[in-house]
Structures are given as structure tokens and as C-alpha cells.
């Protein structure tokens, strides 16, 4: 359900590390800046899963909707074809009924003349 791979999380983590490390280096010593950068790396890595999850939810809805939309239109076309077929079969049935009634009437007329 997540969009992308764990590599995206690594990219988020590296970006977080670089931002915190550079900002911390301006004020603190190297070991403290490195420690804070590592903490930011892990936080950004976990945050990457959350961002990917939200991304997947957002675009799964869009894909699902667009997929259903095409299916709905094809269903409408099938329904229209089926209704046309039903109308055609009803007309054929009416014609057949009329023919049968005419045949019965003609047979009755012939038998009553005899």
C-alpha cells in the first residue's frame, strides 16, 4: 500500500541529517552536531514511511476513481446495448405473436367456411 520503496526513506533521512547537521555545526562542536544529525536521520527515516503512506492513500483514491469512472462508462454502454437488444427482441416477439394470431384467425376462418 505504500508508494515507492525504502530508498525514498533513505533520501528523506539524508536530507534531514544534512539540514540538522549543517545547522548544528554553526553553533555546536562536531560530535554534538553529528549526534543530532544521526537523531534527525532516524526521525526522518520513520517520517518517510508516514509520508509515503499518505501519498499512497491520496493517489490510490485518484486511481481507483479514474478506474471506476471508465468502468462505469463501459457499463453504461453495455446497459444501452442490452436495452437495445431487449427492445429488438420485444419487437420480434410482438411480430411473432401477430403472425400467430393471423394464422389462427385464418385457420378459424377456413374451418368455419367448411
PDB file of N, CA and C in Angstrom:
ATOM      1  N   UNK A   1       0.821  -1.194   0.000  1.00  0.00           N
ATOM      2  CA  UNK A   1       0.000   0.000   0.000  1.00  0.00           C
ATOM      3  C   UNK A   1       0.866   1.259   0.000  1.00  0.00           C
ATOM      4  N   UNK A   2       2.113   1.134   0.364  1.00  0.00           N
ATOM      5  CA  UNK A   2       2.984   2.305   0.371  1.00  0.00           C
ATOM      6  C   UNK A   2       3.467   2.595  -1.041  1.00  0.00           C
ATOM      7  N   UNK A   3       3.645   3.856  -1.307  1.00  0.00           N
ATOM      8  CA  UNK A   3       4.132   4.294  -2.606  1.00  0.00           C
ATOM      9  C   UNK A   3       5.653   4.393  -2.564  1.00  0.00           C
ATOM     10  N   UNK A   4       6.330   3.746  -3.497  1.00  0.00           N
ATOM     11  CA  UNK A   4       7.788   3.825  -3.541  1.00  0.00           C
ATOM     12  C   UNK A   4       8.449   2.700  -2.762  1.00  0.00           C
ATOM     13  N   UNK A   5       9.739   2.875  -2.480  1.00  0.00           N
ATOM     14  CA  UNK A   5      10.495   1.860  -1.753  1.00  0.00           C
ATOM     15  C   UNK A   5      11.184   2.478  -0.542  1.00  0.00           C
ATOM     16  N   UNK A   6      11.947   1.651   0.156  1.00  0.00           N
ATOM     17  CA  UNK A   6      12.666   2.125   1.338  1.00  0.00           C
ATOM     18  C   UNK A   6      13.749   3.132   0.961  1.00  0.00           C
ATOM     19  N   UNK A   7      14.142   3.135  -0.303  1.00  0.00           N
ATOM     20  CA  UNK A   7      15.171   4.082  -0.754  1.00  0.00           C
ATOM     21  C   UNK A   7      14.688   5.528  -0.626  1.00  0.00           C
ATOM     22  N   UNK A   8      13.396   5.705  -0.809  1.00  0.00           N
ATOM     23  CA  UNK A   8      12.832   7.050  -0.632  1.00  0.00           C
ATOM     24  C   UNK A   8      12.999   7.487   0.820  1.00  0.00           C
ATOM     25  N   UNK A   9      12.829   6.553   1.751  1.00  0.00           N
ATOM     26  CA  UNK A   9      13.029   6.874   3.166  1.00  0.00           C
ATOM     27  C   UNK A   9      14.473   7.271   3.436  1.00  0.00           C
ATOM     28  N   UNK A  10      15.409   6.591   2.785  1.00  0.00           N
ATOM     29  CA  UNK A  10      16.827   6.937   2.951  1.00  0.00           C
ATOM     30  C   UNK A  10      17.080   8.361   2.448  1.00  0.00           C
ATOM     31  N   UNK A  11      16.457   8.722   1.335  1.00  0.00           N
ATOM     32  CA  UNK A  11      16.623  10.085   0.805  1.00  0.00           C
ATOM     33  C   UNK A  11      16.078  11.103   1.808  1.00  0.00           C
ATOM     34  N   UNK A  12      14.869  10.842   2.350  1.00  0.00           N
ATOM     35  CA  UNK A  12      14.319  11.736   3.381  1.00  0.00           C
ATOM     36  C   UNK A  12      15.274  11.830   4.571  1.00  0.00           C
ATOM     37  N   UNK A  13      15.806  10.691   4.992  1.00  0.00           N
ATOM     38  CA  UNK A  13      16.691  10.656   6.157  1.00  0.00           C
ATOM     39  C   UNK A  13      17.979  11.436   5.901  1.00  0.00           C
ATOM     40  N   UNK A  14      18.550  11.277   4.711  1.00  0.00           N
ATOM     41  CA  UNK A  14      19.786  12.011   4.388  1.00  0.00           C
ATOM     42  C   UNK A  14      19.545  13.516   4.321  1.00  0.00           C
ATOM     43  N   UNK A  15      18.420  13.900   3.775  1.00  0.00           N
ATOM     44  CA  UNK A  15      18.081  15.327   3.715  1.00  0.00           C
ATOM     45  C   UNK A  15      17.932  15.875   5.138  1.00  0.00           C
ATOM     46  N   UNK A  16      17.209  15.122   5.979  1.00  0.00           N
ATOM     47  CA  UNK A  16      17.046  15.546   7.376  1.00  0.00           C
ATOM     48  C   UNK A  16      18.370  15.626   8.097  1.00  0.00           C
ATOM     49  N   UNK A  17      19.247  14.642   7.880  1.00  0.00           N
ATOM     50  CA  UNK A  17      20.561  14.645   8.503  1.00  0.00           C
ATOM     51  C   UNK A  17      21.354  15.872   8.079  1.00  0.00           C
ATOM     52  N   UNK A  18      21.379  16.141   6.784  1.00  0.00           N
ATOM     53  CA  UNK A  18      22.185  17.268   6.274  1.00  0.00           C
ATOM     54  C   UNK A  18      21.686  18.601   6.825  1.00  0.00           C
ATOM     55  N   UNK A  19      20.385  18.788   6.851  1.00  0.00           N
ATOM     56  CA  UNK A  19      19.838  20.058   7.346  1.00  0.00           C
ATOM     57  C   UNK A  19      20.212  20.265   8.816  1.00  0.00           C
ATOM     58  N   UNK A  20      19.976  19.230   9.639  1.00  0.00           N
ATOM     59  CA  UNK A  20      20.245  19.368  11.070  1.00  0.00           C
ATOM     60  C   UNK A  20      21.746  19.466  11.328  1.00  0.00           C
ATOM     61  N   UNK A  21      22.534  18.657  10.639  1.00  0.00           N
ATOM     62  CA  UNK A  21      23.974  18.665  10.853  1.00  0.00           C
ATOM     63  C   UNK A  21      24.588  20.020  10.494  1.00  0.00           C
ATOM     64  N   UNK A  22      24.218  20.563   9.338  1.00  0.00           N
ATOM     65  CA  UNK A  22      24.770  21.855   8.918  1.00  0.00           C
ATOM     66  C   UNK A  22      24.314  22.974   9.857  1.00  0.00           C
ATOM     67  N   UNK A  23      23.031  22.955  10.224  1.00  0.00           N
ATOM     68  CA  UNK A  23      22.526  23.988  11.134  1.00  0.00           C
ATOM     69  C   UNK A  23      23.188  23.873  12.506  1.00  0.00           C
ATOM     70  N   UNK A  24      23.430  22.655  12.956  1.00  0.00           N
ATOM     71  CA  UNK A  24      24.043  22.465  14.266  1.00  0.00           C
ATOM     72  C   UNK A  24      25.541  22.777  14.251  1.00  0.00           C
ATOM     73  N   UNK A  25      26.209  22.565  13.151  1.00  0.00           N
ATOM     74  CA  UNK A  25      27.650  22.840  13.056  1.00  0.00           C
ATOM     75  C   UNK A  25      27.965  24.332  13.220  1.00  0.00           C
ATOM     76  N   UNK A  26      27.014  25.176  12.879  1.00  0.00           N
ATOM     77  CA  UNK A  26      27.238  26.604  13.008  1.00  0.00           C
ATOM     78  C   UNK A  26      27.326  27.024  14.472  1.00  0.00           C
ATOM     79  N   UNK A  27      26.711  26.247  15.376  1.00  0.00           N
ATOM     80  CA  UNK A  27      26.641  26.630  16.773  1.00  0.00           C
ATOM     81  C   UNK A  27      27.427  25.678  17.678  1.00  0.00           C
ATOM     82  N   UNK A  28      27.415  24.360  17.373  1.00  0.00           N
ATOM     83  CA  UNK A  28      27.979  23.344  18.264  1.00  0.00           C
ATOM     84  C   UNK A  28      29.255  22.725  17.689  1.00  0.00           C
ATOM     85  N   UNK A  29      29.890  21.920  18.521  1.00  0.00           N
ATOM     86  CA  UNK A  29      31.069  21.171  18.087  1.00  0.00           C
ATOM     87  C   UNK A  29      30.644  20.001  17.193  1.00  0.00           C
ATOM     88  N   UNK A  30      31.642  19.408  16.536  1.00  0.00           N
ATOM     89  CA  UNK A  30      31.395  18.323  15.588  1.00  0.00           C
ATOM     90  C   UNK A  30      30.684  17.123  16.217  1.00  0.00           C
ATOM     91  N   UNK A  31      31.116  16.585  17.370  1.00  0.00           N
ATOM     92  CA  UNK A  31      30.444  15.394  17.920  1.00  0.00           C
ATOM     93  C   UNK A  31      28.975  15.642  18.265  1.00  0.00           C
ATOM     94  N   UNK A  32      28.691  16.795  18.798  1.00  0.00           N
ATOM     95  CA  UNK A  32      27.302  17.112  19.148  1.00  0.00           C
ATOM     96  C   UNK A  32      26.470  17.281  17.879  1.00  0.00           C
ATOM     97  N   UNK A  33      27.027  17.923  16.874  1.00  0.00           N
ATOM     98  CA  UNK A  33      26.323  18.098  15.605  1.00  0.00           C
ATOM     99  C   UNK A  33      26.080  16.761  14.925  1.00  0.00           C
ATOM    100  N   UNK A  34      27.081  15.888  14.991  1.00  0.00           N
ATOM    101  CA  UNK A  34      26.938  14.554  14.398  1.00  0.00           C
ATOM    102  C   UNK A  34      25.855  13.767  15.127  1.00  0.00           C
ATOM    103  N   UNK A  35      25.835  13.816  16.439  1.00  0.00           N
ATOM    104  CA  UNK A  35      24.816  13.127  17.232  1.00  0.00           C
ATOM    105  C   UNK A  35      23.412  13.619  16.886  1.00  0.00           C
ATOM    106  N   UNK A  36      23.251  14.926  16.811  1.00  0.00           N
ATOM    107  CA  UNK A  36      21.941  15.497  16.451  1.00  0.00           C
ATOM    108  C   UNK A  36      21.556  15.142  15.015  1.00  0.00           C
ATOM    109  N   UNK A  37      22.533  15.099  14.134  1.00  0.00           N
ATOM    110  CA  UNK A  37      22.262  14.710  12.752  1.00  0.00           C
ATOM    111  C   UNK A  37      21.800  13.265  12.643  1.00  0.00           C
ATOM    112  N   UNK A  38      22.423  12.377  13.440  1.00  0.00           N
ATOM    113  CA  UNK A  38      22.020  10.959  13.447  1.00  0.00           C
ATOM    114  C   UNK A  38      20.604  10.809  13.984  1.00  0.00           C
ATOM    115  N   UNK A  39      20.287  11.538  15.025  1.00  0.00           N
ATOM    116  CA  UNK A  39      18.912  11.506  15.557  1.00  0.00           C
ATOM    117  C   UNK A  39      17.927  11.992  14.489  1.00  0.00           C
ATOM    118  N   UNK A  40      18.276  13.056  13.798  1.00  0.00           N
ATOM    119  CA  UNK A  40      17.410  13.574  12.732  1.00  0.00           C
ATOM    120  C   UNK A  40      17.280  12.555  11.596  1.00  0.00           C
ATOM    121  N   UNK A  41      18.355  11.815  11.310  1.00  0.00           N
ATOM    122  CA  UNK A  41      18.324  10.779  10.279  1.00  0.00           C
ATOM    123  C   UNK A  41      17.255   9.745  10.609  1.00  0.00           C
ATOM    124  N   UNK A  42      17.260   9.235  11.847  1.00  0.00           N
ATOM    125  CA  UNK A  42      16.290   8.214  12.235  1.00  0.00           C
ATOM    126  C   UNK A  42      14.859   8.761  12.263  1.00  0.00           C
ATOM    127  N   UNK A  43      14.699   9.972  12.741  1.00  0.00           N
ATOM    128  CA  UNK A  43      13.364  10.575  12.769  1.00  0.00           C
ATOM    129  C   UNK A  43      12.841  10.780  11.347  1.00  0.00           C
ATOM    130  N   UNK A  44      13.683  11.273  10.459  1.00  0.00           N
ATOM    131  CA  UNK A  44      13.270  11.492   9.078  1.00  0.00           C
ATOM    132  C   UNK A  44      12.988  10.167   8.367  1.00  0.00           C
ATOM    133  N   UNK A  45      13.744   9.124   8.704  1.00  0.00           N
ATOM    134  CA  UNK A  45      13.511   7.813   8.108  1.00  0.00           C
ATOM    135  C   UNK A  45      12.118   7.295   8.463  1.00  0.00           C
ATOM    136  N   UNK A  46      11.758   7.394   9.735  1.00  0.00           N
ATOM    137  CA  UNK A  46      10.429   6.957  10.175  1.00  0.00           C
ATOM    138  C   UNK A  46       9.350   7.871   9.599  1.00  0.00           C
ATOM    139  N   UNK A  47       9.628   9.152   9.563  1.00  0.00           N
ATOM    140  CA  UNK A  47       8.677  10.100   8.988  1.00  0.00           C
ATOM    141  C   UNK A  47       8.449   9.819   7.498  1.00  0.00           C
ATOM    142  N   UNK A  48       9.455   9.291   6.827  1.00  0.00           N
ATOM    143  CA  UNK A  48       9.323   8.931   5.412  1.00  0.00           C
ATOM    144  C   UNK A  48       8.244   7.889   5.192  1.00  0.00           C
ATOM    145  N   UNK A  49       8.110   6.917   6.104  1.00  0.00           N
ATOM    146  CA  UNK A  49       7.044   5.922   5.989  1.00  0.00           C
ATOM    147  C   UNK A  49       5.676   6.582   6.074  1.00  0.00           C
ATOM    148  N   UNK A  50       5.548   7.499   6.991  1.00  0.00           N
ATOM    149  CA  UNK A  50       4.266   8.201   7.144  1.00  0.00           C
ATOM    150  C   UNK A  50       3.931   9.008   5.889  1.00  0.00           C
ATOM    151  N   UNK A  51       4.915   9.706   5.348  1.00  0.00           N
ATOM    152  CA  UNK A  51       4.694  10.498   4.130  1.00  0.00           C
ATOM    153  C   UNK A  51       4.329   9.591   2.964  1.00  0.00           C
ATOM    154  N   UNK A  52       5.032   8.462   2.824  1.00  0.00           N
ATOM    155  CA  UNK A  52       4.720   7.519   1.747  1.00  0.00           C
ATOM    156  C   UNK A  52       3.324   6.942   1.911  1.00  0.00           C
ATOM    157  N   UNK A  53       2.924   6.674   3.154  1.00  0.00           N
ATOM    158  CA  UNK A  53       1.592   6.153   3.423  1.00  0.00           C
ATOM    159  C   UNK A  53       0.521   7.161   3.002  1.00  0.00           C
ATOM    160  N   UNK A  54       0.705   8.424   3.382  1.00  0.00           N
ATOM    161  CA  UNK A  54      -0.249   9.463   2.992  1.00  0.00           C
ATOM    162  C   UNK A  54      -0.282   9.643   1.474  1.00  0.00           C
ATOM    163  N   UNK A  55       0.877   9.572   0.854  1.00  0.00           N
ATOM    164  CA  UNK A  55       0.983   9.694  -0.602  1.00  0.00           C
ATOM    165  C   UNK A  55       0.194   8.563  -1.273  1.00  0.00           C
ATOM    166  N   UNK A  56       0.360   7.346  -0.769  1.00  0.00           N
ATOM    167  CA  UNK A  56      -0.338   6.193  -1.338  1.00  0.00           C
ATOM    168  C   UNK A  56      -1.848   6.321  -1.155  1.00  0.00           C
ATOM    169  N   UNK A  57      -2.282   6.785   0.008  1.00  0.00           N
ATOM    170  CA  UNK A  57      -3.714   6.963   0.232  1.00  0.00           C
ATOM    171  C   UNK A  57      -4.305   7.993  -0.719  1.00  0.00           C
ATOM    172  N   UNK A  58      -3.583   9.075  -0.912  1.00  0.00           N
ATOM    173  CA  UNK A  58      -4.074  10.143  -1.777  1.00  0.00           C
ATOM    174  C   UNK A  58      -4.212   9.669  -3.219  1.00  0.00           C
ATOM    175  N   UNK A  59      -3.182   9.043  -3.732  1.00  0.00           N
ATOM    176  CA  UNK A  59      -3.212   8.669  -5.139  1.00  0.00           C
ATOM    177  C   UNK A  59      -3.920   7.355  -5.390  1.00  0.00           C
ATOM    178  N   UNK A  60      -4.097   6.519  -4.387  1.00  0.00           N
ATOM    179  CA  UNK A  60      -4.895   5.308  -4.562  1.00  0.00           C
ATOM    180  C   UNK A  60      -6.342   5.695  -4.807  1.00  0.00           C
ATOM    181  N   UNK A  61      -6.810   6.718  -4.118  1.00  0.00           N
ATOM    182  CA  UNK A  61      -8.175   7.183  -4.310  1.00  0.00           C
ATOM    183  C   UNK A  61      -8.360   7.719  -5.728  1.00  0.00           C
ATOM    184  N   UNK A  62      -7.396   8.470  -6.216  1.00  0.00           N
ATOM    185  CA  UNK A  62      -7.478   9.033  -7.559  1.00  0.00           C
ATOM    186  C   UNK A  62      -7.469   7.916  -8.599  1.00  0.00           C
ATOM    187  N   UNK A  63      -6.587   6.945  -8.453  1.00  0.00           N
ATOM    188  CA  UNK A  63      -6.515   5.837  -9.399  1.00  0.00           C
ATOM    189  C   UNK A  63      -7.790   5.020  -9.348  1.00  0.00           C
ATOM    190  N   UNK A  64      -8.277   4.756  -8.158  1.00  0.00           N
ATOM    191  CA  UNK A  64      -9.486   3.967  -8.020  1.00  0.00           C
ATOM    192  C   UNK A  64     -10.660   4.681  -8.673  1.00  0.00           C
ATOM    193  N   UNK A  65     -10.763   5.997  -8.451  1.00  0.00           N
ATOM    194  CA  UNK A  65     -11.867   6.755  -9.021  1.00  0.00           C
ATOM    195  C   UNK A  65     -11.783   6.767 -10.534  1.00  0.00           C
ATOM    196  N   UNK A  66     -10.606   7.014 -11.083  1.00  0.00           N
ATOM    197  CA  UNK A  66     -10.485   7.071 -12.535  1.00  0.00           C
ATOM    198  C   UNK A  66     -10.731   5.703 -13.139  1.00  0.00           C
ATOM    199  N   UNK A  67     -10.312   4.632 -12.463  1.00  0.00           N
ATOM    200  CA  UNK A  67     -10.571   3.290 -12.965  1.00  0.00           C
ATOM    201  C   UNK A  67     -12.048   2.970 -12.935  1.00  0.00           C
ATOM    202  N   UNK A  68     -12.730   3.339 -11.847  1.00  0.00           N
ATOM    203  CA  UNK A  68     -14.159   3.104 -11.761  1.00  0.00           C
ATOM    204  C   UNK A  68     -14.905   3.946 -12.777  1.00  0.00           C
ATOM    205  N   UNK A  69     -14.406   5.132 -13.046  1.00  0.00           N
ATOM    206  CA  UNK A  69     -15.072   6.011 -13.995  1.00  0.00           C
ATOM    207  C   UNK A  69     -15.123   5.372 -15.377  1.00  0.00           C
ATOM    208  N   UNK A  70     -14.034   4.782 -15.828  1.00  0.00           N
ATOM    209  CA  UNK A  70     -14.039   4.136 -17.134  1.00  0.00           C
ATOM    210  C   UNK A  70     -14.924   2.908 -17.114  1.00  0.00           C
ATOM    211  N   UNK A  71     -14.932   2.182 -16.001  1.00  0.00           N
ATOM    212  CA  UNK A  71     -15.793   1.016 -15.910  1.00  0.00           C
ATOM    213  C   UNK A  71     -17.256   1.411 -15.922  1.00  0.00           C
ATOM    214  N   UNK A  72     -17.577   2.543 -15.290  1.00  0.00           N
ATOM    215  CA  UNK A  72     -18.959   2.999 -15.267  1.00  0.00           C
ATOM    216  C   UNK A  72     -19.417   3.337 -16.679  1.00  0.00           C
ATOM    217  N   UNK A  73     -18.571   4.019 -17.448  1.00  0.00           N
ATOM    218  CA  UNK A  73     -18.970   4.372 -18.795  1.00  0.00           C
ATOM    219  C   UNK A  73     -19.124   3.130 -19.655  1.00  0.00           C
ATOM    220  N   UNK A  74     -18.256   2.141 -19.481  1.00  0.00           N
ATOM    221  CA  UNK A  74     -18.398   0.919 -20.259  1.00  0.00           C
ATOM    222  C   UNK A  74     -19.633   0.144 -19.807  1.00  0.00           C
ATOM    223  N   UNK A  75     -19.950   0.221 -18.499  1.00  0.00           N
ATOM    224  CA  UNK A  75     -21.169  -0.420 -18.015  1.00  0.00           C
ATOM    225  C   UNK A  75     -22.401   0.252 -18.612  1.00  0.00           C
ATOM    226  N   UNK A  76     -22.356   1.583 -18.732  1.00  0.00           N
ATOM    227  CA  UNK A  76     -23.470   2.294 -19.337  1.00  0.00           C
ATOM    228  C   UNK A  76     -23.641   1.877 -20.784  1.00  0.00           C
ATOM    229  N   UNK A  77     -22.527   1.725 -21.503  1.00  0.00           N
ATOM    230  CA  UNK A  77     -22.610   1.302 -22.891  1.00  0.00           C
ATOM    231  C   UNK A  77     -23.199  -0.098 -22.983  1.00  0.00           C
ATOM    232  N   UNK A  78     -22.768  -0.998 -22.105  1.00  0.00           N
ATOM    233  CA  UNK A  78     -23.306  -2.352 -22.104  1.00  0.00           C
ATOM    234  C   UNK A  78     -24.786  -2.331 -21.782  1.00  0.00           C
ATOM    235  N   UNK A  79     -25.182  -1.488 -20.826  1.00  0.00           N
ATOM    236  CA  UNK A  79     -26.585  -1.393 -20.459  1.00  0.00           C
ATOM    237  C   UNK A  79     -27.406  -0.876 -21.627  1.00  0.00           C
ATOM    238  N   UNK A  80     -26.880   0.121 -22.345  1.00  0.00           N
ATOM    239  CA  UNK A  80     -27.579   0.641 -23.518  1.00  0.00           C
ATOM    240  C   UNK A  80     -27.710  -0.437 -24.584  1.00  0.00           C
ATOM    241  N   UNK A  81     -26.650  -1.212 -24.805  1.00  0.00           N
ATOM    242  CA  UNK A  81     -26.712  -2.288 -25.786  1.00  0.00           C
ATOM    243  C   UNK A  81     -27.727  -3.339 -25.359  1.00  0.00           C
ATOM    244  N   UNK A  82     -27.742  -3.663 -24.068  1.00  0.00           N
ATOM    245  CA  UNK A  82     -28.689  -4.659 -23.586  1.00  0.00           C
ATOM    246  C   UNK A  82     -30.119  -4.165 -23.726  1.00  0.00           C
ATOM    247  N   UNK A  83     -30.354  -2.888 -23.435  1.00  0.00           N
ATOM    248  CA  UNK A  83     -31.715  -2.366 -23.566  1.00  0.00           C
ATOM    249  C   UNK A  83     -32.132  -2.328 -25.031  1.00  0.00           C
ATOM    250  N   UNK A  84     -31.192  -2.021 -25.945  1.00  0.00           N
ATOM    251  CA  UNK A  84     -31.498  -2.065 -27.373  1.00  0.00           C
ATOM    252  C   UNK A  84     -31.829  -3.479 -27.805  1.00  0.00           C
ATOM    253  N   UNK A  85     -31.078  -4.447 -27.297  1.00  0.00           N
ATOM    254  CA  UNK A  85     -31.342  -5.843 -27.622  1.00  0.00           C
ATOM    255  C   UNK A  85     -32.699  -6.282 -27.079  1.00  0.00           C
ATOM    256  N   UNK A  86     -33.039  -5.818 -25.880  1.00  0.00           N
ATOM    257  CA  UNK A  86     -34.339  -6.161 -25.299  1.00  0.00           C
ATOM    258  C   UNK A  86     -35.469  -5.569 -26.143  1.00  0.00           C
ATOM    259  N   UNK A  87     -35.318  -4.325 -26.563  1.00  0.00           N
ATOM    260  CA  UNK A  87     -36.346  -3.698 -27.396  1.00  0.00           C
ATOM    261  C   UNK A  87     -36.503  -4.447 -28.706  1.00  0.00           C
ATOM    262  N   UNK A  88     -35.375  -4.837 -29.292  1.00  0.00           N
ATOM    263  CA  UNK A  88     -35.421  -5.567 -30.552  1.00  0.00           C
ATOM    264  C   UNK A  88     -36.107  -6.920 -30.361  1.00  0.00           C
ATOM    265  N   UNK A  89     -35.778  -7.623 -29.283  1.00  0.00           N
ATOM    266  CA  UNK A  89     -36.392  -8.927 -29.039  1.00  0.00           C
ATOM    267  C   UNK A  89     -37.877  -8.773 -28.720  1.00  0.00           C
ATOM    268  N   UNK A  90     -38.270  -7.684 -28.061  1.00  0.00           N
ATOM    269  CA  UNK A  90     -39.679  -7.451 -27.783  1.00  0.00           C
ATOM    270  C   UNK A  90     -40.448  -7.180 -29.075  1.00  0.00           C
ATOM    271  N   UNK A  91     -39.829  -6.420 -29.967  1.00  0.00           N
ATOM    272  CA  UNK A  91     -40.475  -6.162 -31.257  1.00  0.00           C
ATOM    273  C   UNK A  91     -40.629  -7.451 -32.046  1.00  0.00           C
ATOM    274  N   UNK A  92     -39.588  -8.295 -32.022  1.00  0.00           N
ATOM    275  CA  UNK A  92     -39.651  -9.571 -32.718  1.00  0.00           C
ATOM    276  C   UNK A  92     -40.748 -10.439 -32.116  1.00  0.00           C
ATOM    277  N   UNK A  93     -40.844 -10.443 -30.786  1.00  0.00           N
ATOM    278  CA  UNK A  93     -41.876 -11.241 -30.128  1.00  0.00           C
ATOM    279  C   UNK A  93     -43.260 -10.737 -30.498  1.00  0.00           C
ATOM    280  N   UNK A  94     -43.431  -9.423 -30.577  1.00  0.00           N
ATOM    281  CA  UNK A  94     -44.720  -8.846 -30.965  1.00  0.00           C
ATOM    282  C   UNK A  94     -45.063  -9.241 -32.395  1.00  0.00           C
ATOM    283  N   UNK A  95     -44.090  -9.194 -33.287  1.00  0.00           N
ATOM    284  CA  UNK A  95     -44.320  -9.599 -34.676  1.00  0.00           C
ATOM    285  C   UNK A  95     -44.693 -11.065 -34.751  1.00  0.00           C
ATOM    286  N   UNK A  96     -43.996 -11.914 -33.992  1.00  0.00           N
ATOM    287  CA  UNK A  96     -44.299 -13.344 -33.988  1.00  0.00           C
ATOM    288  C   UNK A  96     -45.698 -13.605 -33.445  1.00  0.00           C
ATOM    289  N   UNK A  97     -46.078 -12.864 -32.384  1.00  0.00           N
ATOM    290  CA  UNK A  97     -47.419 -13.008 -31.821  1.00  0.00           C
ATOM    291  C   UNK A  97     -48.478 -12.608 -32.838  1.00  0.00           C
ATOM    292  N   UNK A  98     -48.226 -11.504 -33.551  1.00  0.00           N
ATOM    293  CA  UNK A  98     -49.171 -11.054 -34.572  1.00  0.00           C
ATOM    294  C   UNK A  98     -49.310 -12.089 -35.677  1.00  0.00           C
ATOM    295  N   UNK A  99     -48.200 -12.687 -36.091  1.00  0.00           N
ATOM    296  CA  UNK A  99     -48.236 -13.718 -37.127  1.00  0.00           C
ATOM    297  C   UNK A  99     -49.018 -14.930 -36.656  1.00  0.00           C
ATOM    298  N   UNK A 100     -48.793 -15.334 -35.414  1.00  0.00           N
ATOM    299  CA  UNK A 100     -49.506 -16.487 -34.882  1.00  0.00           C
ATOM    300  C   UNK A 100     -50.999 -16.207 -34.788  1.00  0.00           C
ATOM    301  N   UNK A 101     -51.370 -14.999 -34.371  1.00  0.00           N
ATOM    302  CA  UNK A 101     -52.784 -14.632 -34.295  1.00  0.00           C
ATOM    303  C   UNK A 101     -53.407 -14.645 -35.689  1.00  0.00           C
ATOM    304  N   UNK A 102     -52.692 -14.116 -36.679  1.00  0.00           N
ATOM    305  CA  UNK A 102     -53.204 -14.124 -38.052  1.00  0.00           C
ATOM    306  C   UNK A 102     -53.359 -15.548 -38.555  1.00  0.00           C
ATOM    307  N   UNK A 103     -52.408 -16.418 -38.252  1.00  0.00           N
ATOM    308  CA  UNK A 103     -52.504 -17.816 -38.666  1.00  0.00           C
ATOM    309  C   UNK A 103     -53.695 -18.497 -38.013  1.00  0.00           C
ATOM    310  N   UNK A 104     -53.890 -18.231 -36.725  1.00  0.00           N
ATOM    311  CA  UNK A 104     -55.021 -18.832 -36.019  1.00  0.00           C
ATOM    312  C   UNK A 104     -56.331 -18.317 -36.588  1.00  0.00           C
ATOM    313  N   UNK A 105     -56.403 -17.003 -36.837  1.00  0.00           N
ATOM    314  CA  UNK A 105     -57.628 -16.427 -37.400  1.00  0.00           C
ATOM    315  C   UNK A 105     -57.911 -16.977 -38.789  1.00  0.00           C
ATOM    316  N   UNK A 106     -56.856 -17.134 -39.574  1.00  0.00           N
ATOM    317  CA  UNK A 106     -57.073 -17.668 -40.924  1.00  0.00           C
ATOM    318  C   UNK A 106     -57.496 -19.130 -40.876  1.00  0.00           C
ATOM    319  N   UNK A 107     -56.946 -19.907 -39.930  1.00  0.00           N
ATOM    320  CA  UNK A 107     -57.348 -21.302 -39.806  1.00  0.00           C
ATOM    321  C   UNK A 107     -58.775 -21.391 -39.318  1.00  0.00           C
ATOM    322  N   UNK A 108     -59.173 -20.504 -38.386  1.00  0.00           N
ATOM    323  CA  UNK A 108     -60.552 -20.489 -37.913  1.00  0.00           C
ATOM    324  C   UNK A 108     -61.501 -20.090 -39.032  1.00  0.00           C
ATOM    325  N   UNK A 109     -61.052 -19.129 -39.828  1.00  0.00           N
ATOM    326  CA  UNK A 109     -61.912 -18.694 -40.940  1.00  0.00           C
ATOM    327  C   UNK A 109     -62.069 -19.823 -41.948  1.00  0.00           C
ATOM    328  N   UNK A 110     -61.028 -20.556 -42.222  1.00  0.00           N
ATOM    329  CA  UNK A 110     -61.078 -21.653 -43.179  1.00  0.00           C
ATOM    330  C   UNK A 110     -61.932 -22.762 -42.628  1.00  0.00           C
ATOM    331  N   UNK A 111     -61.783 -23.077 -41.342  1.00  0.00           N
ATOM    332  CA  UNK A 111     -62.572 -24.162 -40.758  1.00  0.00           C
ATOM    333  C   UNK A 111     -64.036 -23.771 -40.612  1.00  0.00           C
ATOM    334  N   UNK A 112     -64.335 -22.510 -40.404  1.00  0.00           N
ATOM    335  CA  UNK A 112     -65.739 -22.102 -40.291  1.00  0.00           C
ATOM    336  C   UNK A 112     -66.401 -22.047 -41.649  1.00  0.00           C
ATOM    337  N   UNK A 113     -65.647 -21.839 -42.726  1.00  0.00           N
ATOM    338  CA  UNK A 113     -66.207 -21.840 -44.071  1.00  0.00           C
ATOM    339  C   UNK A 113     -66.553 -23.250 -44.506  1.00  0.00           C
ATOM    340  N   UNK A 114     -65.901 -24.224 -43.988  1.00  0.00           N
ATOM    341  CA  UNK A 114     -66.149 -25.600 -44.394  1.00  0.00           C
ATOM    342  C   UNK A 114     -67.382 -26.074 -43.759  1.00  0.00           C
TER     343      UNK A 114
END
